[in-house]
PDB file of N, CA and C in Angstrom:
ATOM      1  N   MET A   1     -25.329  13.437  -4.979  1.00  0.00           N
ATOM      2  CA  MET A   1     -24.088  12.793  -5.490  1.00  0.00           C
ATOM      3  C   MET A   1     -23.913  12.549  -7.010  1.00  0.00           C
ATOM      4  N   ASN A   2     -23.038  12.672  -7.673  1.00  0.00           N
ATOM      5  CA  ASN A   2     -22.986  12.439  -9.282  1.00  0.00           C
ATOM      6  C   ASN A   2     -21.874  11.041  -8.893  1.00  0.00           C
ATOM      7  N   GLU A   3     -22.428  10.196  -9.033  1.00  0.00           N
ATOM      8  CA  GLU A   3     -21.866   8.743  -9.311  1.00  0.00           C
ATOM      9  C   GLU A   3     -20.872   8.515 -10.226  1.00  0.00           C
ATOM     10  N   ASP A   4     -20.768   9.089 -11.408  1.00  0.00           N
ATOM     11  CA  ASP A   4     -19.751   9.318 -12.383  1.00  0.00           C
ATOM     12  C   ASP A   4     -18.513  10.063 -11.542  1.00  0.00           C
ATOM     13  N   VAL A   5     -18.581  11.396 -11.231  1.00  0.00           N
ATOM     14  CA  VAL A   5     -17.610  11.998 -10.525  1.00  0.00           C
ATOM     15  C   VAL A   5     -16.949  11.134  -9.547  1.00  0.00           C
ATOM     16  N   PHE A   6     -18.082  10.610  -8.643  1.00  0.00           N
ATOM     17  CA  PHE A   6     -17.382  10.062  -7.546  1.00  0.00           C
ATOM     18  C   PHE A   6     -16.549   8.762  -7.667  1.00  0.00           C
ATOM     19  N   ASN A   7     -17.090   7.949  -8.495  1.00  0.00           N
ATOM     20  CA  ASN A   7     -16.410   6.547  -9.051  1.00  0.00           C
ATOM     21  C   ASN A   7     -14.912   7.158  -9.963  1.00  0.00           C
ATOM     22  N   GLU A   8     -15.102   8.068 -10.577  1.00  0.00           N
ATOM     23  CA  GLU A   8     -13.653   8.590 -11.365  1.00  0.00           C
ATOM     24  C   GLU A   8     -12.705   8.947 -10.197  1.00  0.00           C
ATOM     25  N   SER A   9     -13.077   9.800  -9.263  1.00  0.00           N
ATOM     26  CA  SER A   9     -11.909  10.235  -7.913  1.00  0.00           C
ATOM     27  C   SER A   9     -11.561   9.266  -7.265  1.00  0.00           C
ATOM     28  N   LEU A  10     -12.491   8.228  -7.023  1.00  0.00           N
ATOM     29  CA  LEU A  10     -12.071   6.988  -6.284  1.00  0.00           C
ATOM     30  C   LEU A  10     -10.939   6.073  -6.900  1.00  0.00           C
ATOM     31  N   ARG A  11     -11.128   6.214  -8.197  1.00  0.00           N
ATOM     32  CA  ARG A  11     -10.264   4.874  -9.105  1.00  0.00           C
ATOM     33  C   ARG A  11      -8.744   5.851  -9.134  1.00  0.00           C
ATOM     34  N   ARG A  12      -9.060   7.260  -9.447  1.00  0.00           N
ATOM     35  CA  ARG A  12      -7.706   8.191  -9.482  1.00  0.00           C
ATOM     36  C   ARG A  12      -6.939   7.916  -8.274  1.00  0.00           C
ATOM     37  N   PHE A  13      -7.644   8.054  -7.161  1.00  0.00           N
ATOM     38  CA  PHE A  13      -7.061   8.005  -5.936  1.00  0.00           C
ATOM     39  C   PHE A  13      -6.468   6.758  -5.432  1.00  0.00           C
ATOM     40  N   LEU A  14      -7.509   5.409  -5.593  1.00  0.00           N
ATOM     41  CA  LEU A  14      -6.649   4.159  -5.280  1.00  0.00           C
ATOM     42  C   LEU A  14      -5.549   3.708  -6.615  1.00  0.00           C
ATOM     43  N   LYS A  15      -5.530   4.257  -7.720  1.00  0.00           N
ATOM     44  CA  LYS A  15      -4.517   3.962  -8.594  1.00  0.00           C
ATOM     45  C   LYS A  15      -3.165   4.494  -8.202  1.00  0.00           C
ATOM     46  N   LYS A  16      -3.306   5.907  -7.535  1.00  0.00           N
ATOM     47  CA  LYS A  16      -2.343   6.413  -6.865  1.00  0.00           C
ATOM     48  C   LYS A  16      -1.604   5.986  -5.877  1.00  0.00           C
ATOM     49  N   VAL A  17      -2.661   5.254  -4.776  1.00  0.00           N
ATOM     50  CA  VAL A  17      -2.046   4.649  -3.722  1.00  0.00           C
ATOM     51  C   VAL A  17      -1.481   3.461  -4.089  1.00  0.00           C
ATOM     52  N   GLY A  18      -1.935   2.731  -5.491  1.00  0.00           N
ATOM     53  CA  GLY A  18      -1.298   1.279  -5.389  1.00  0.00           C
ATOM     54  C   GLY A  18      -0.130   1.492  -6.065  1.00  0.00           C
ATOM     55  N   ILE A  19      -0.136   2.284  -6.911  1.00  0.00           N
ATOM     56  CA  ILE A  19       1.350   2.496  -7.712  1.00  0.00           C
ATOM     57  C   ILE A  19       2.507   3.317  -6.597  1.00  0.00           C
ATOM     58  N   THR A  20       2.084   4.381  -6.072  1.00  0.00           N
ATOM     59  CA  THR A  20       3.209   4.696  -4.796  1.00  0.00           C
ATOM     60  C   THR A  20       3.515   3.749  -3.685  1.00  0.00           C
ATOM     61  N   SER A  21       2.460   2.844  -3.352  1.00  0.00           N
ATOM     62  CA  SER A  21       2.915   2.072  -2.169  1.00  0.00           C
ATOM     63  C   SER A  21       3.797   0.935  -2.797  1.00  0.00           C
ATOM     64  N   GLN A  22       3.743   0.372  -4.119  1.00  0.00           N
ATOM     65  CA  GLN A  22       4.451  -0.501  -4.631  1.00  0.00           C
ATOM     66  C   GLN A  22       5.771  -0.020  -4.837  1.00  0.00           C
ATOM     67  N   ARG A  23       5.976   1.007  -5.368  1.00  0.00           N
ATOM     68  CA  ARG A  23       7.084   1.726  -5.641  1.00  0.00           C
ATOM     69  C   ARG A  23       7.904   1.993  -4.209  1.00  0.00           C
ATOM     70  N   GLU A  24       7.315   2.420  -3.260  1.00  0.00           N
ATOM     71  CA  GLU A  24       7.952   2.612  -2.059  1.00  0.00           C
ATOM     72  C   GLU A  24       8.509   1.158  -1.050  1.00  0.00           C
ATOM     73  N   MET A  25       7.602   0.239  -1.438  1.00  0.00           N
ATOM     74  CA  MET A  25       8.078  -1.114  -0.789  1.00  0.00           C
ATOM     75  C   MET A  25       9.214  -1.734  -1.513  1.00  0.00           C
ATOM     76  N   GLU A  26       9.124  -1.412  -2.831  1.00  0.00           N
ATOM     77  CA  GLU A  26      10.198  -2.280  -3.821  1.00  0.00           C
ATOM     78  C   GLU A  26      11.384  -1.556  -3.365  1.00  0.00           C
ATOM     79  N   LYS A  27      11.581  -0.452  -3.204  1.00  0.00           N
ATOM     80  CA  LYS A  27      12.516   0.407  -2.862  1.00  0.00           C
ATOM     81  C   LYS A  27      13.219   0.181  -1.781  1.00  0.00           C
ATOM     82  N   ALA A  28      12.311  -0.053  -0.577  1.00  0.00           N
ATOM     83  CA  ALA A  28      12.624  -0.226   0.836  1.00  0.00           C
ATOM     84  C   ALA A  28      13.159  -1.601   0.731  1.00  0.00           C
ATOM     85  N   VAL A  29      12.396  -2.884   0.475  1.00  0.00           N
ATOM     86  CA  VAL A  29      13.077  -3.935   0.286  1.00  0.00           C
ATOM     87  C   VAL A  29      14.312  -4.148  -0.482  1.00  0.00           C
ATOM     88  N   ARG A  30      14.570  -3.487  -1.545  1.00  0.00           N
ATOM     89  CA  ARG A  30      15.897  -3.705  -2.299  1.00  0.00           C
ATOM     90  C   ARG A  30      17.037  -2.920  -1.464  1.00  0.00           C
ATOM     91  N   GLU A  31      16.515  -1.986  -0.478  1.00  0.00           N
ATOM     92  CA  GLU A  31      18.043  -1.296   0.061  1.00  0.00           C
ATOM     93  C   GLU A  31      18.081  -2.182   1.123  1.00  0.00           C
ATOM     94  N   ALA A  32      16.889  -2.692   1.900  1.00  0.00           N
ATOM     95  CA  ALA A  32      17.160  -3.558   2.950  1.00  0.00           C
ATOM     96  C   ALA A  32      17.967  -4.846   2.495  1.00  0.00           C
ATOM     97  N   ILE A  33      17.862  -5.187   1.423  1.00  0.00           N
ATOM     98  CA  ILE A  33      18.747  -6.512   0.837  1.00  0.00           C
ATOM     99  C   ILE A  33      20.112  -6.150   0.684  1.00  0.00           C
ATOM    100  N   ALA A  34      20.215  -5.163  -0.150  1.00  0.00           N
ATOM    101  CA  ALA A  34      21.575  -4.680  -0.431  1.00  0.00           C
ATOM    102  C   ALA A  34      22.209  -4.019   0.778  1.00  0.00           C
ATOM    103  N   SER A  35      21.703  -3.592   2.116  1.00  0.00           N
ATOM    104  CA  SER A  35      22.528  -3.418   3.340  1.00  0.00           C
ATOM    105  C   SER A  35      22.642  -4.788   4.275  1.00  0.00           C
ATOM    106  N   GLY A  36      22.044  -5.467   3.672  1.00  0.00           N
ATOM    107  CA  GLY A  36      22.307  -7.025   4.430  1.00  0.00           C
ATOM    108  C   GLY A  36      21.169  -7.226   5.802  1.00  0.00           C
ATOM    109  N   ARG A  37      20.152  -6.245   5.892  1.00  0.00           N
ATOM    110  CA  ARG A  37      19.052  -6.280   6.755  1.00  0.00           C
ATOM    111  C   ARG A  37      17.962  -7.363   6.465  1.00  0.00           C
ATOM    112  N   LEU A  38      18.061  -7.465   5.317  1.00  0.00           N
ATOM    113  CA  LEU A  38      17.393  -8.835   4.751  1.00  0.00           C
ATOM    114  C   LEU A  38      17.929  -9.566   3.776  1.00  0.00           C
ATOM    115  N   LYS A  39      17.550 -10.915   3.789  1.00  0.00           N
ATOM    116  CA  LYS A  39      18.209 -11.900   3.190  1.00  0.00           C
ATOM    117  C   LYS A  39      17.661 -12.176   1.544  1.00  0.00           C
ATOM    118  N   GLY A  40      16.444 -12.219   1.509  1.00  0.00           N
ATOM    119  CA  GLY A  40      15.570 -11.962   0.375  1.00  0.00           C
ATOM    120  C   GLY A  40      14.683 -13.052   0.381  1.00  0.00           C
ATOM    121  N   HIS A  41      14.486 -13.887   1.539  1.00  0.00           N
ATOM    122  CA  HIS A  41      13.612 -14.929   1.430  1.00  0.00           C
ATOM    123  C   HIS A  41      12.608 -14.781   2.690  1.00  0.00           C
ATOM    124  N   GLU A  42      12.318 -13.847   3.222  1.00  0.00           N
ATOM    125  CA  GLU A  42      11.290 -13.624   4.509  1.00  0.00           C
ATOM    126  C   GLU A  42      10.075 -13.238   3.762  1.00  0.00           C
ATOM    127  N   LYS A  43       9.108 -13.140   4.654  1.00  0.00           N
ATOM    128  CA  LYS A  43       7.813 -12.699   4.580  1.00  0.00           C
ATOM    129  C   LYS A  43       7.854 -11.902   5.705  1.00  0.00           C
ATOM    130  N   LEU A  44       7.286 -10.447   4.891  1.00  0.00           N
ATOM    131  CA  LEU A  44       7.201  -9.219   5.719  1.00  0.00           C
ATOM    132  C   LEU A  44       5.823  -9.165   6.084  1.00  0.00           C
ATOM    133  N   PRO A  45       5.434  -8.633   7.446  1.00  0.00           N
ATOM    134  CA  PRO A  45       4.022  -8.456   7.776  1.00  0.00           C
ATOM    135  C   PRO A  45       3.570  -6.655   7.258  1.00  0.00           C
ATOM    136  N   ALA A  46       2.767  -6.648   6.548  1.00  0.00           N
ATOM    137  CA  ALA A  46       2.169  -5.365   6.035  1.00  0.00           C
ATOM    138  C   ALA A  46       0.948  -4.929   6.462  1.00  0.00           C
ATOM    139  N   LYS A  47       0.504  -3.531   6.479  1.00  0.00           N
ATOM    140  CA  LYS A  47      -0.351  -3.238   7.074  1.00  0.00           C
ATOM    141  C   LYS A  47      -0.861  -1.965   6.388  1.00  0.00           C
ATOM    142  N   MET A  48      -2.035  -1.938   5.389  1.00  0.00           N
ATOM    143  CA  MET A  48      -2.604  -0.282   4.963  1.00  0.00           C
ATOM    144  C   MET A  48      -3.850   0.002   5.730  1.00  0.00           C
ATOM    145  N   VAL A  49      -3.727   1.105   6.199  1.00  0.00           N
ATOM    146  CA  VAL A  49      -4.990   1.920   7.153  1.00  0.00           C
ATOM    147  C   VAL A  49      -5.419   2.974   6.040  1.00  0.00           C
ATOM    148  N   LEU A  50      -6.641   2.569   5.791  1.00  0.00           N
ATOM    149  CA  LEU A  50      -7.295   3.695   5.180  1.00  0.00           C
ATOM    150  C   LEU A  50      -8.283   4.415   5.902  1.00  0.00           C
ATOM    151  N   THR A  51      -8.163   5.881   5.857  1.00  0.00           N
ATOM    152  CA  THR A  51      -9.039   6.672   6.719  1.00  0.00           C
ATOM    153  C   THR A  51      -9.861   7.497   5.579  1.00  0.00           C
ATOM    154  N   LEU A  52     -11.028   7.899   5.824  1.00  0.00           N
ATOM    155  CA  LEU A  52     -12.093   8.948   5.060  1.00  0.00           C
ATOM    156  C   LEU A  52     -12.391   9.957   6.038  1.00  0.00           C
ATOM    157  N   GLY A  53     -11.953  10.996   5.950  1.00  0.00           N
ATOM    158  CA  GLY A  53     -12.385  12.233   6.928  1.00  0.00           C
ATOM    159  C   GLY A  53     -14.115  12.565   6.658  1.00  0.00           C
ATOM    160  N   GLY A  54     -14.384  12.996   7.355  1.00  0.00           N
ATOM    161  CA  GLY A  54     -16.124  13.441   7.430  1.00  0.00           C
ATOM    162  C   GLY A  54     -17.117  12.571   7.644  1.00  0.00           C
ATOM    163  N   ILE A  55     -16.740  11.509   7.316  1.00  0.00           N
ATOM    164  CA  ILE A  55     -17.487  10.252   7.599  1.00  0.00           C
ATOM    165  C   ILE A  55     -16.830   8.905   8.744  1.00  0.00           C
ATOM    166  N   ASN A  56     -15.865   9.287   9.284  1.00  0.00           N
ATOM    167  CA  ASN A  56     -14.867   8.606  10.257  1.00  0.00           C
ATOM    168  C   ASN A  56     -14.858   7.175   9.675  1.00  0.00           C
ATOM    169  N   LEU A  57     -14.542   7.096   8.581  1.00  0.00           N
ATOM    170  CA  LEU A  57     -14.254   5.709   7.922  1.00  0.00           C
ATOM    171  C   LEU A  57     -12.730   5.314   8.515  1.00  0.00           C
ATOM    172  N   THR A  58     -12.594   4.089   8.824  1.00  0.00           N
ATOM    173  CA  THR A  58     -11.038   3.690   9.152  1.00  0.00           C
ATOM    174  C   THR A  58     -11.213   2.067   8.612  1.00  0.00           C
ATOM    175  N   HIS A  59     -10.318   1.846   7.742  1.00  0.00           N
ATOM    176  CA  HIS A  59     -10.432   0.471   7.350  1.00  0.00           C
ATOM    177  C   HIS A  59      -9.107  -0.123   7.151  1.00  0.00           C
ATOM    178  N   GLU A  60      -8.742  -1.323   7.906  1.00  0.00           N
ATOM    179  CA  GLU A  60      -7.318  -1.616   8.222  1.00  0.00           C
ATOM    180  C   GLU A  60      -7.225  -3.223   7.391  1.00  0.00           C
ATOM    181  N   ILE A  61      -6.263  -3.277   6.368  1.00  0.00           N
ATOM    182  CA  ILE A  61      -5.904  -4.579   5.867  1.00  0.00           C
ATOM    183  C   ILE A  61      -4.500  -4.867   6.116  1.00  0.00           C
ATOM    184  N   SER A  62      -4.680  -6.075   6.256  1.00  0.00           N
ATOM    185  CA  SER A  62      -3.117  -6.946   6.975  1.00  0.00           C
ATOM    186  C   SER A  62      -2.881  -7.784   5.883  1.00  0.00           C
ATOM    187  N   GLU A  63      -1.449  -8.145   5.586  1.00  0.00           N
ATOM    188  CA  GLU A  63      -1.106  -9.265   4.856  1.00  0.00           C
ATOM    189  C   GLU A  63       0.418  -9.601   4.910  1.00  0.00           C
ATOM    190  N   GLU A  64       0.897 -10.600   4.677  1.00  0.00           N
ATOM    191  CA  GLU A  64       2.390 -10.946   4.450  1.00  0.00           C
ATOM    192  C   GLU A  64       2.780 -10.577   3.196  1.00  0.00           C
ATOM    193  N   ILE A  65       3.957 -10.121   2.765  1.00  0.00           N
ATOM    194  CA  ILE A  65       4.346  -9.892   1.760  1.00  0.00           C
ATOM    195  C   ILE A  65       5.405 -10.673   1.668  1.00  0.00           C
ATOM    196  N   GLU A  66       5.479 -11.954   0.811  1.00  0.00           N
ATOM    197  CA  GLU A  66       6.512 -12.937   0.779  1.00  0.00           C
ATOM    198  C   GLU A  66       7.635 -12.557  -0.374  1.00  0.00           C
ATOM    199  N   LEU A  67       8.999 -12.639   0.317  1.00  0.00           N
ATOM    200  CA  LEU A  67      10.002 -12.107  -0.803  1.00  0.00           C
ATOM    201  C   LEU A  67      10.606 -13.515  -1.550  1.00  0.00           C
ATOM    202  N   GLY A  68      10.159 -14.423  -1.421  1.00  0.00           N
ATOM    203  CA  GLY A  68      10.722 -15.564  -2.022  1.00  0.00           C
ATOM    204  C   GLY A  68      11.304 -16.749  -1.329  1.00  0.00           C
TER     205      GLY A  68
END
C-alpha cells in the first residue's frame, strides 16, 4: 500500500463529505425555519454512518446539532 496515495485519497473523500454534508444540513434547516417547521432554537439529533466496502467497516457517529 502506498501511504501517501491512501492518505491523499482519504483526505479528499472526507473533505467532500464534510463540505457537502454541511451545505445540505444548512439548506434543510433554513428551509424548515422558513416554512415554520422549526422555530430556530431546537436541538436536532444527527447521525452519520460511514461504510467502507471490501472490509465490512461500519462506523456511526451521533450528535445533537444546536440551532441556538
